[in-house]
Protein backbone atom coordinates (compact mmCIF):
# COMPACT_ATOMS: atom_id res chain seq x y z
CA MET A 1 111.40 74.57 56.76
CA LEU A 2 113.29 76.42 59.47
CA ILE A 3 115.27 73.36 60.65
CA ASN A 4 116.35 72.79 57.07
CA ASN A 5 117.69 76.35 56.85
CA THR A 6 119.46 75.75 60.15
CA TYR A 7 121.36 72.58 59.27
CA ASN A 8 122.31 73.86 55.83
CA SER A 9 124.01 76.89 57.35
CA ALA A 10 127.75 77.34 57.57
CA ASN A 11 127.58 78.19 61.32
CA PHE A 12 125.75 74.98 62.04
CA LYS A 13 128.41 72.93 60.28
CA GLU A 14 131.20 74.83 62.16
CA GLU A 15 129.43 74.22 65.47
CA HIS A 16 128.84 70.48 65.23
CA ARG A 17 131.55 68.96 63.05
CA LYS A 18 134.25 67.03 64.85
CA THR A 19 137.30 68.68 63.22
CA PRO A 20 137.85 71.73 61.03
CA LYS A 21 138.69 69.37 58.12
CA ASP A 22 135.32 67.59 58.25
CA PHE A 23 132.82 68.35 55.46
CA THR A 24 135.21 70.60 53.50
CA ARG A 25 135.38 68.36 50.43
CA ILE A 26 132.54 67.77 47.93
CA CYS A 27 131.22 64.32 48.67
CA LYS A 28 127.94 62.34 48.65
CA PHE A 29 127.57 62.44 52.49
CA THR A 30 127.19 66.07 53.51
CA LEU A 31 126.19 67.08 56.94
CA PRO A 32 122.58 67.85 55.90
CA SER A 33 122.30 64.52 54.05
CA LEU A 34 123.52 62.63 57.13
CA ILE A 35 121.08 64.34 59.35
CA GLU A 36 118.17 63.55 56.98
CA ILE A 37 119.26 59.88 56.61
CA ILE A 38 119.49 59.32 60.39
CA LEU A 39 116.17 61.04 60.93
CA ASN A 40 114.51 58.78 58.30
CA PHE A 41 115.83 55.42 59.45
CA SER A 42 113.29 52.69 59.53
CA ASN A 43 113.53 48.83 59.76
CA SER A 44 115.27 48.08 56.47
CA SER A 45 119.01 47.31 56.06
CA LEU A 46 121.31 50.28 56.06
CA GLN A 47 122.02 49.94 52.33
CA THR A 48 118.29 49.83 51.52
CA GLU A 49 117.81 52.99 53.60
CA LEU A 50 120.53 54.77 51.75
CA ASN A 51 119.23 53.73 48.27
CA LYS A 52 115.70 54.92 49.23
CA TYR A 53 117.03 58.21 50.59
CA PHE A 54 119.09 59.29 47.49
CA LYS A 55 116.36 58.16 45.18
CA THR A 56 113.81 60.38 46.95
CA LYS A 57 116.09 63.32 47.29
CA GLN A 58 117.18 63.27 43.65
CA GLN A 59 113.68 62.38 42.50
CA GLY A 60 114.59 59.04 41.14
CA LYS A 61 117.53 60.27 38.94
CA VAL A 62 120.22 58.17 40.61
CA SER A 63 121.29 54.55 40.25
CA ARG A 64 120.15 52.02 42.73
CA GLN A 65 123.39 52.16 44.81
CA TYR A 66 124.44 55.74 44.66
CA ALA A 67 126.30 55.60 47.99
CA THR A 68 127.52 52.63 50.10
CA ASP A 69 126.80 51.78 53.77
CA GLY A 70 130.56 51.79 54.46
CA GLY A 71 130.78 55.41 53.33
CA PHE A 72 127.88 56.29 55.64
CA VAL A 73 129.48 54.59 58.61
CA LYS A 74 132.66 56.54 58.14
CA ALA A 75 130.89 59.87 57.37
CA ARG A 76 128.64 59.85 60.48
CA LYS A 77 131.75 59.93 62.70
CA LYS A 78 132.43 63.47 61.56
CA PHE A 79 129.61 65.27 63.45
CA SER A 80 128.33 65.32 67.05
CA SER A 81 124.81 64.40 68.29
CA SER A 82 124.61 67.97 69.47
CA ALA A 83 123.38 68.74 65.96
CA PHE A 84 120.11 67.02 66.69
CA VAL A 85 119.91 68.68 70.14
CA GLU A 86 120.14 72.15 68.45
CA LEU A 87 117.61 71.23 65.78
CA LEU A 88 115.15 70.06 68.37
CA GLN A 89 115.37 73.45 70.18
CA VAL A 90 114.89 75.20 66.82
CA ALA A 91 111.75 73.26 66.07
CA VAL A 92 110.36 73.68 69.56
CA GLN A 93 110.96 77.37 69.67
CA ALA A 94 109.39 77.89 66.23
CA PHE A 95 106.33 75.90 67.24
CA TYR A 96 105.57 77.81 70.42
CA GLN A 97 106.06 81.18 68.65
CA LYS A 98 103.08 80.32 66.35
CA ALA A 99 100.95 77.76 68.12
CA LYS A 100 97.89 78.50 70.18
CA ILE A 101 98.60 75.97 72.93
CA GLN A 102 96.34 74.19 75.41
CA THR A 103 96.94 75.17 79.03
CA TRP A 104 95.57 74.57 82.55
CA TYR A 105 94.64 77.78 84.41
CA GLY A 106 97.06 79.52 82.13
CA PHE A 107 99.92 77.15 82.88
CA ARG A 108 101.77 75.11 80.17
CA ILE A 109 101.80 71.70 81.79
CA LEU A 110 105.07 69.87 81.63
CA ALA A 111 106.13 66.43 82.98
CA VAL A 112 109.55 65.04 83.81
CA ASP A 113 110.23 61.41 83.96
CA GLY A 114 113.05 58.90 83.26
CA SER A 115 113.38 55.66 81.37
CA LYS A 116 115.94 52.94 80.95
CA TYR A 117 117.28 51.95 77.51
CA SER A 118 118.90 48.72 76.43
CA LEU A 119 122.14 49.31 74.46
CA PRO A 120 124.54 47.35 72.21
CA ASN A 121 127.00 45.25 74.14
CA THR A 122 130.43 46.75 73.31
CA PRO A 123 133.24 47.76 75.70
CA SER A 124 133.11 51.44 74.64
CA VAL A 125 129.35 51.55 75.35
CA ILE A 126 129.70 49.83 78.72
CA LYS A 127 132.51 52.36 79.69
CA GLU A 128 130.30 55.30 78.71
CA PHE A 129 126.92 54.27 80.01
CA GLY A 130 127.44 51.40 82.44
CA GLY A 131 124.56 48.93 82.88
CA GLN A 132 122.67 46.50 85.07
CA ASP A 133 124.05 43.29 86.52
CA ASN A 134 122.14 40.11 85.83
CA GLN A 135 122.69 36.39 85.78
CA PHE A 136 124.57 36.71 82.44
CA GLY A 137 126.82 39.49 83.52
CA LEU A 138 126.55 43.31 82.88
CA LYS A 139 123.67 44.23 80.55
CA PRO A 140 124.56 47.59 78.93
CA MET A 141 121.92 50.22 79.71
CA ALA A 142 121.46 53.93 79.85
CA LEU A 143 119.14 56.34 81.73
CA GLY A 144 117.09 58.72 79.65
CA SER A 145 115.13 61.64 80.91
CA CYS A 146 112.62 63.96 79.17
CA LEU A 147 110.99 67.16 79.82
CA TYR A 148 107.60 66.89 78.05
CA ASP A 149 104.61 69.13 77.23
CA VAL A 150 101.73 66.80 78.05
CA TYR A 151 99.01 68.69 76.11
CA GLN A 152 100.92 69.41 73.04
CA GLY A 153 103.04 66.25 73.01
CA ILE A 154 106.30 68.13 72.58
CA VAL A 155 109.64 66.98 73.91
CA LEU A 156 111.34 70.18 75.19
CA ASP A 157 114.61 68.57 76.37
CA ALA A 158 116.01 65.06 76.46
CA LYS A 159 119.08 63.54 77.89
CA LEU A 160 120.68 59.99 77.63
CA MET A 161 123.17 59.52 80.46
CA HIS A 162 125.07 56.93 82.44
CA TYR A 163 122.81 54.33 83.92
CA SER A 164 123.72 55.24 87.50
CA SER A 165 122.81 58.89 86.95
CA SER A 166 120.31 60.51 89.25
CA GLU A 167 116.90 61.32 87.89
CA ARG A 168 116.59 64.24 90.21
CA ASP A 169 119.93 65.69 88.98
CA LEU A 170 118.62 65.41 85.36
CA ALA A 171 115.33 66.99 86.41
CA PHE A 172 117.32 69.92 87.77
CA GLU A 173 119.09 70.34 84.42
CA HIS A 174 115.74 70.33 82.61
CA LEU A 175 114.73 73.42 84.53
CA GLN A 176 116.81 75.62 82.24
CA HIS A 177 114.41 74.68 79.39
CA THR A 178 111.38 75.84 81.32
CA SER A 179 109.84 79.35 81.39
CA ASP A 180 107.41 81.52 83.34
CA ASN A 181 103.89 79.96 83.53
CA ASP A 182 105.20 76.43 83.43
CA LEU A 183 103.86 73.97 85.86
CA ILE A 184 105.92 70.71 86.20
CA LEU A 185 104.55 67.33 87.15
CA TYR A 186 106.61 64.85 89.01
CA ASP A 187 106.15 61.23 90.29
CA ARG A 188 106.97 60.45 93.86
CA GLY A 189 110.54 59.29 93.01
CA TYR A 190 111.56 62.93 92.55
CA VAL A 191 110.64 64.41 96.00
CA ALA A 192 113.64 65.96 97.71
CA TYR A 193 114.01 69.18 99.66
CA TRP A 194 116.85 70.44 97.40
CA LEU A 195 114.84 69.88 94.21
CA VAL A 196 111.83 71.64 95.70
CA LEU A 197 114.11 74.52 96.73
CA ALA A 198 115.60 74.62 93.18
CA HIS A 199 112.06 75.29 91.84
CA ILE A 200 111.53 78.03 94.40
CA ASN A 201 114.86 79.57 93.42
CA ALA A 202 113.96 79.42 89.70
CA LYS A 203 110.44 80.67 90.40
CA ARG A 204 108.99 77.54 88.81
CA ASP A 205 105.72 75.96 89.92
CA PHE A 206 105.34 72.23 90.29
CA CYS A 207 102.95 69.50 91.42
CA MET A 208 104.60 66.43 92.86
CA ARG A 209 103.42 63.12 94.25
CA ILE A 210 105.05 62.52 97.53
CA ARG A 211 105.54 59.74 100.01
CA SER A 212 103.79 60.18 103.31
CA ASN A 213 107.04 59.58 105.14
CA PHE A 214 108.96 62.39 103.34
CA ASN A 215 109.18 64.25 106.64
CA LYS A 216 107.38 64.69 110.02
CA GLN A 217 105.03 67.28 108.57
CA THR A 218 103.82 64.96 105.70
CA LYS A 219 103.43 62.13 108.16
CA ALA A 220 101.21 64.24 110.35
CA PHE A 221 99.24 65.50 107.41
CA GLU A 222 98.70 61.90 106.14
CA LYS A 223 97.33 60.81 109.54
CA SER A 224 95.15 63.88 110.00
CA SER A 225 91.59 64.41 108.69
CA LYS A 226 92.77 67.42 106.68
CA ARG A 227 92.76 67.13 102.90
CA ASP A 228 94.32 70.51 101.97
CA MET A 229 97.02 72.26 104.05
CA VAL A 230 99.71 74.87 103.53
CA ILE A 231 103.05 74.26 105.41
CA THR A 232 106.47 75.77 105.50
CA LEU A 233 109.03 72.96 105.14
CA ASP A 234 111.34 72.44 108.17
CA PRO A 235 114.41 70.62 106.84
CA SER A 236 117.28 69.42 109.08
CA ASP A 237 120.71 71.04 109.05
CA GLU A 238 122.05 68.14 107.04
CA ILE A 239 119.41 68.56 104.33
CA ILE A 240 120.07 72.34 104.19
CA ALA A 241 123.76 71.64 103.85
CA HIS A 242 123.07 69.35 100.95
CA ALA A 243 120.96 72.02 99.23
CA LYS A 244 123.81 74.58 99.74
CA ALA A 245 126.21 72.09 98.17
CA LYS A 246 124.00 72.21 95.09
CA GLY A 247 124.55 75.92 94.87
CA LEU A 248 121.02 76.82 95.88
CA SER A 249 120.03 79.89 97.86
CA ILE A 250 118.34 78.90 101.15
CA GLU A 251 114.97 80.59 101.63
CA PRO A 252 111.71 79.62 103.22
CA VAL A 253 109.84 76.95 101.26
CA THR A 254 106.09 77.18 101.59
CA VAL A 255 104.07 74.49 99.84
CA ARG A 256 100.60 73.11 99.85
CA LEU A 257 99.82 69.44 100.64
CA LEU A 258 96.75 67.75 99.11
CA LYS A 259 95.08 64.41 99.35
CA VAL A 260 93.30 63.41 96.11
CA LYS A 261 91.33 60.34 95.28
CA THR A 262 92.30 58.33 92.14
CA SER A 263 91.15 54.98 90.70
CA LYS A 264 94.28 53.51 92.38
CA GLY A 265 93.59 54.95 95.81
CA GLU A 266 94.56 58.17 97.64
CA TYR A 267 97.58 60.16 96.58
CA LEU A 268 99.47 62.74 98.46
CA LEU A 269 100.52 65.69 96.34
CA MET A 270 102.83 68.67 97.05
CA THR A 271 102.43 71.90 94.96
CA THR A 272 103.50 75.52 95.02
CA LEU A 273 100.03 76.57 94.01
CA LEU A 274 98.91 77.85 97.39
CA ASP A 275 95.61 79.45 96.56
CA ASN A 276 92.85 76.88 97.22
CA THR A 277 90.19 79.18 95.84
CA HIS A 278 91.84 79.83 92.51
CA TYR A 279 93.13 76.26 92.30
CA PRO A 280 90.49 73.94 93.87
CA ARG A 281 91.77 70.61 95.37
CA LYS A 282 89.30 68.60 93.20
CA ASP A 283 91.07 69.80 89.99
CA PHE A 284 94.41 68.24 90.97
CA THR A 285 93.21 64.70 90.40
CA ASP A 286 92.86 65.31 86.62
CA LEU A 287 95.97 67.49 86.65
CA TYR A 288 98.22 64.81 88.15
CA HIS A 289 96.69 62.21 85.81
CA MET A 290 98.05 64.22 82.88
CA ARG A 291 101.49 62.90 83.87
CA TRP A 292 100.40 59.63 82.27
CA GLN A 293 101.03 61.25 78.86
CA ILE A 294 104.78 61.10 79.32
CA GLU A 295 104.48 57.32 79.86
CA GLU A 296 102.73 57.21 76.46
CA ALA A 297 105.52 59.26 74.92
CA TYR A 298 108.09 56.70 76.09
CA LYS A 299 105.91 53.89 74.71
CA ALA A 300 105.82 55.65 71.38
CA GLN A 301 109.61 56.21 71.34
CA LYS A 302 110.39 52.50 72.13
CA CYS A 303 107.63 50.74 70.26
CA ARG A 304 106.91 52.96 67.26
CA PHE A 305 110.13 55.04 66.66
CA GLU A 306 112.09 51.92 67.88
CA VAL A 307 114.67 54.08 69.56
CA GLU A 308 116.44 51.07 70.99
CA ASN A 309 116.99 49.66 67.52
CA PHE A 310 120.14 51.59 67.22
CA SER A 311 121.79 51.91 63.82
CA GLY A 312 125.30 51.47 65.26
CA GLU A 313 127.25 50.14 68.20
CA SER A 314 129.38 53.17 68.98
CA VAL A 315 128.63 55.67 71.65
CA LEU A 316 128.30 58.42 69.00
CA SER A 317 125.89 56.38 66.94
CA ILE A 318 123.72 55.70 69.98
CA GLN A 319 123.59 59.43 70.94
CA GLN A 320 122.86 60.44 67.38
CA ASP A 321 119.98 57.97 67.03
CA TYR A 322 118.55 58.93 70.51
CA HIS A 323 118.45 62.62 69.79
CA ALA A 324 117.21 62.11 66.22
CA CYS A 325 114.28 60.11 67.70
CA MET A 326 113.43 63.03 70.01
CA LEU A 327 113.48 65.30 66.97
CA ASN A 328 111.35 62.96 65.01
CA HIS A 329 108.90 62.88 67.98
CA VAL A 330 108.61 66.68 67.93
CA LEU A 331 108.17 66.87 64.15
CA THR A 332 105.36 64.24 64.36
CA ALA A 333 103.65 66.08 67.22
CA ILE A 334 103.76 69.31 65.32
CA SER A 335 102.29 67.65 62.27
CA CYS A 336 99.53 66.29 64.36
CA TYR A 337 98.85 69.69 65.84
CA TYR A 338 98.26 71.21 62.41
CA ALA A 339 96.35 68.15 61.16
CA GLN A 340 94.04 68.46 64.18
CA GLY A 341 92.42 71.37 62.45
CA TYR A 342 90.90 68.98 59.95
CA VAL A 343 89.37 66.86 62.72
CA SER A 344 87.14 69.35 64.60
CA LYS A 345 84.25 69.57 62.04
CA ARG A 346 84.17 65.92 61.38
CA VAL A 347 83.75 64.86 65.01
CA ALA A 348 81.68 67.83 66.16
CA LYS A 349 78.52 65.70 66.69
CA ARG A 350 80.17 62.71 68.32
CA LYS A 351 79.80 62.07 72.00
CA LEU A 352 83.49 61.68 72.74
CA ALA A 353 86.30 64.11 71.88
CA TYR A 354 88.88 62.72 69.42
CA LYS A 355 92.52 63.22 68.79
CA ILE A 356 94.92 62.02 66.06
CA ASN A 357 96.29 58.55 66.47
CA PHE A 358 99.94 59.46 67.10
CA SER A 359 101.29 55.95 66.33
CA LYS A 360 99.83 56.07 62.83
CA ALA A 361 100.89 59.63 62.25
CA ILE A 362 104.53 58.53 62.68
CA SER A 363 104.62 56.49 59.49
CA SER A 364 102.80 59.25 57.61
CA VAL A 365 105.40 61.86 58.57
CA LYS A 366 108.25 59.56 57.80
CA ASP A 367 106.84 59.02 54.26
CA ILE A 368 107.23 62.70 53.41
CA LEU A 369 110.02 63.75 55.78
CA VAL A 370 112.90 63.83 53.25
CA SER A 371 110.82 65.48 50.50
CA ALA A 372 109.55 68.05 52.92
CA LEU A 373 113.02 68.89 54.34
CA ASN A 374 114.34 69.35 50.86
CA GLY A 375 111.44 71.59 49.55
CA LEU A 376 110.21 68.93 47.11
CA LEU A 377 106.61 69.18 48.22
CA LEU A 378 104.09 71.80 47.06
CA ASP A 379 101.72 73.30 49.57
CA ILE A 380 98.96 71.18 48.25
CA ASP A 381 101.07 68.02 48.90
CA ILE A 382 101.59 69.08 52.48
CA GLN A 383 97.82 69.80 52.95
CA GLU A 384 97.03 66.34 51.59
CA SER A 385 99.49 64.75 53.98
CA LEU A 386 97.98 66.57 56.94
CA GLN A 387 94.44 65.44 55.76
CA THR A 388 95.74 61.86 55.64
CA ILE A 389 97.09 62.15 59.26
CA SER A 390 93.77 63.60 60.33
CA LYS A 391 91.81 60.55 59.24
CA ASN A 392 93.35 58.27 61.85
CA LEU A 393 91.66 59.06 65.12
CA THR A 394 91.45 57.77 68.61
CA PRO A 395 88.78 58.76 71.19
CA ILE A 396 89.90 60.65 74.34
CA ARG A 397 88.70 58.73 77.35
CA PRO A 398 88.98 60.83 80.63
CA GLY A 399 90.68 59.09 83.51
CA ARG A 400 92.10 56.23 81.48
CA SER A 401 95.28 54.70 82.76
CA PHE A 402 97.26 51.49 82.93
CA GLU A 403 99.77 49.94 85.20
CA ARG A 404 103.39 50.92 84.09
CA GLU A 405 105.19 47.91 82.62
CA LYS A 406 108.49 47.25 81.07
CA ILE A 407 108.34 48.17 77.40
CA ARG A 408 109.72 45.29 75.29
CA CYS A 409 108.75 46.32 71.83
CA ARG A 410 112.28 46.58 70.56
CA ARG A 411 113.35 44.61 67.57
CA LEU A 412 116.66 42.87 68.08
CA MET A 413 119.69 44.97 67.43
CA CYS A 414 120.85 43.38 64.17
CA ARG A 415 119.41 44.41 60.83
CA LYS A 416 120.01 42.24 57.85
CA GLY A 417 123.00 43.33 55.72
CA TYR A 418 123.87 45.95 58.39
CA ARG A 419 127.36 47.34 59.09
CA TYR A 420 127.65 48.80 62.54
CA ALA A 421 129.14 52.28 63.00
């Protein structure tokens, strides 16, 4: 696998180790082994995880306790979470180079959204991430943000930042991971003149739900009988000054306002797709509904990958686990993409379209992850694994949605027999 070649390289070790002395001696915990162990964490105690990992990697030719949890805790301090960030980019780029992706009018459809994460309660974590005040004091929390391909289920970029960070600022940072022919979906919390201007500057298209009181023009549009209208935004001097402070080049911002009907009522949308002939208003209802997929992605990360069940209490451990989860999400999505090829013939005569059940695919991928990364599987083994993934299907029901609610699937922080890092 390409990511295996990457994290086994000398350049990768040089880039992500904490000091030049780290990973220079021959020891049980190498940088590749640490990456694989963290990627493969499940719900067992740390020592059980280590025993299982080394037994798999060495094909059962090691004693039950080949390495200790204390040794792991010490070793993981030697490398940065940026290792997982780079590996995610390697996996994403390799996927898009080969995959025939699903698009909308030729656009790759991306969504940006944020989510809050509960963290271990330690002084260093509170100092780094802050938190939320409640009746018991300060609850340590962080703000995460993802750039997500809603059709392919791929995380293109992810950030875990201080709880008080701005979702708009994080969305602006995500822009550097977009490309031509991307269309980005946003909820109404993101609307701001400077962020719209940032997309114009970057030549990136978007579709954003807006509040009717965003400005005088949107208020007038909301009250009018018009359902589709092109306007040039007329910001105040103060708003323009704020955009300049962000380093943006001031230029005319022409956008299209739309009213679309949904099961929850009428939404106001703003988009840079101005041609109402090529992009009919009626198609934007289903387009904006695709943003719901990023909500499902967060649900999978918290309930299935259990990202909040951190394997350590240090800031470094939290960042490592978070970005390892994002990489796991991408690897599972890629596996589902290739397994989908086994599905088409089997469901051809059914009334509904079907896709692979992502939640069940997660455990299937974890079962083979270490063996696959270490080249211990034959092609036939990989094909059998993809066929297994393809047997767990879920129907695609157009227009299906639910109210967003707080996700409380997290198992409590402490694992039995665990030593926090």
